[in-house]
């Protein structure tokens, strides 16, 4: 009987997911000729071409599109199998591997993850921090169970996953007491020309803050931009500039550094948080716990 080689199929599936042989090779951490050879072997086994070259790129043939559809189902079921097995008690800790977007404030991440370690059965929590797009690629490669981000999965993304809204929060502007005392006028006019620490321009929060400043008619003096929310907070605690945090962690941020005060608050800027998961309906007990904690936090904001 001519059995399907699933190893060859996984290489083909990765090429389609990544968009090119070179990108698939990087994702799989192998040489490009290895990927090309695996694809040729699969084509020989099937007896038909899966790709055709158009210009400098590869395009799926009709057979290739059909095979890719089956591969999506096969590897999706494989992921579902692993999720189910991991979610069952085995005498060893269940593992939850979480990707956390670097723009998500660390206090928010901790408050979402805290109930995972309080479940009745032991859970080993493994956390990775990176950019939103890199985390999604890692999840597509079965390296992560869930991604926590302030940005939902975009429509049409090559990654097969689902958005689960965790909640949203307004923002509070904080500053060292010495800096806050120098700001002139009522909020938000006092932010005009004030030294400001902001997320980088590629982030959802930065776009929302820029829109708020425009609508409020204020132009802060941007003295620093940061991809890492933790570093932004540390710099803000030193009195370098005003910075924004979600109101749901405002009290914790103030308690962690008594020198900070609230300059002002607004609900016009909303920080939204999402769990992005391969599951349409959350089943992993630890991810369900994260979702339940998020609803409780935002309900009590």
Foldseek 3Di string as FASTA:
>chain_A
DLDQDVVLLVLLLLCVLQFHLVSSCVLVVHDSVVSVVSQVVNCVSVVHHQWDDDPNGTDGDPVVVVSNVVSVVVVLVVLVVVLVVLQDDDVDAREAEEEEELQADPVLVCLLQVVLCVDPGHYHYHYHYDHPVVVLSCVLVVNHAKYKDLDFDDPPRSRQWDKDWQAKFWKFKKAFPVLLVPFDDAPPQSQAQFEEEEEDPVDPQRVLVVVVCVVVVGDYDYPYYHSHNVVSLVVRLVGRGIYMDGPLCVVVSCVVRVRMDTRGIDRSRMRIMIMIGSDPDDDRVSVVSSSVSSVVSNVVD
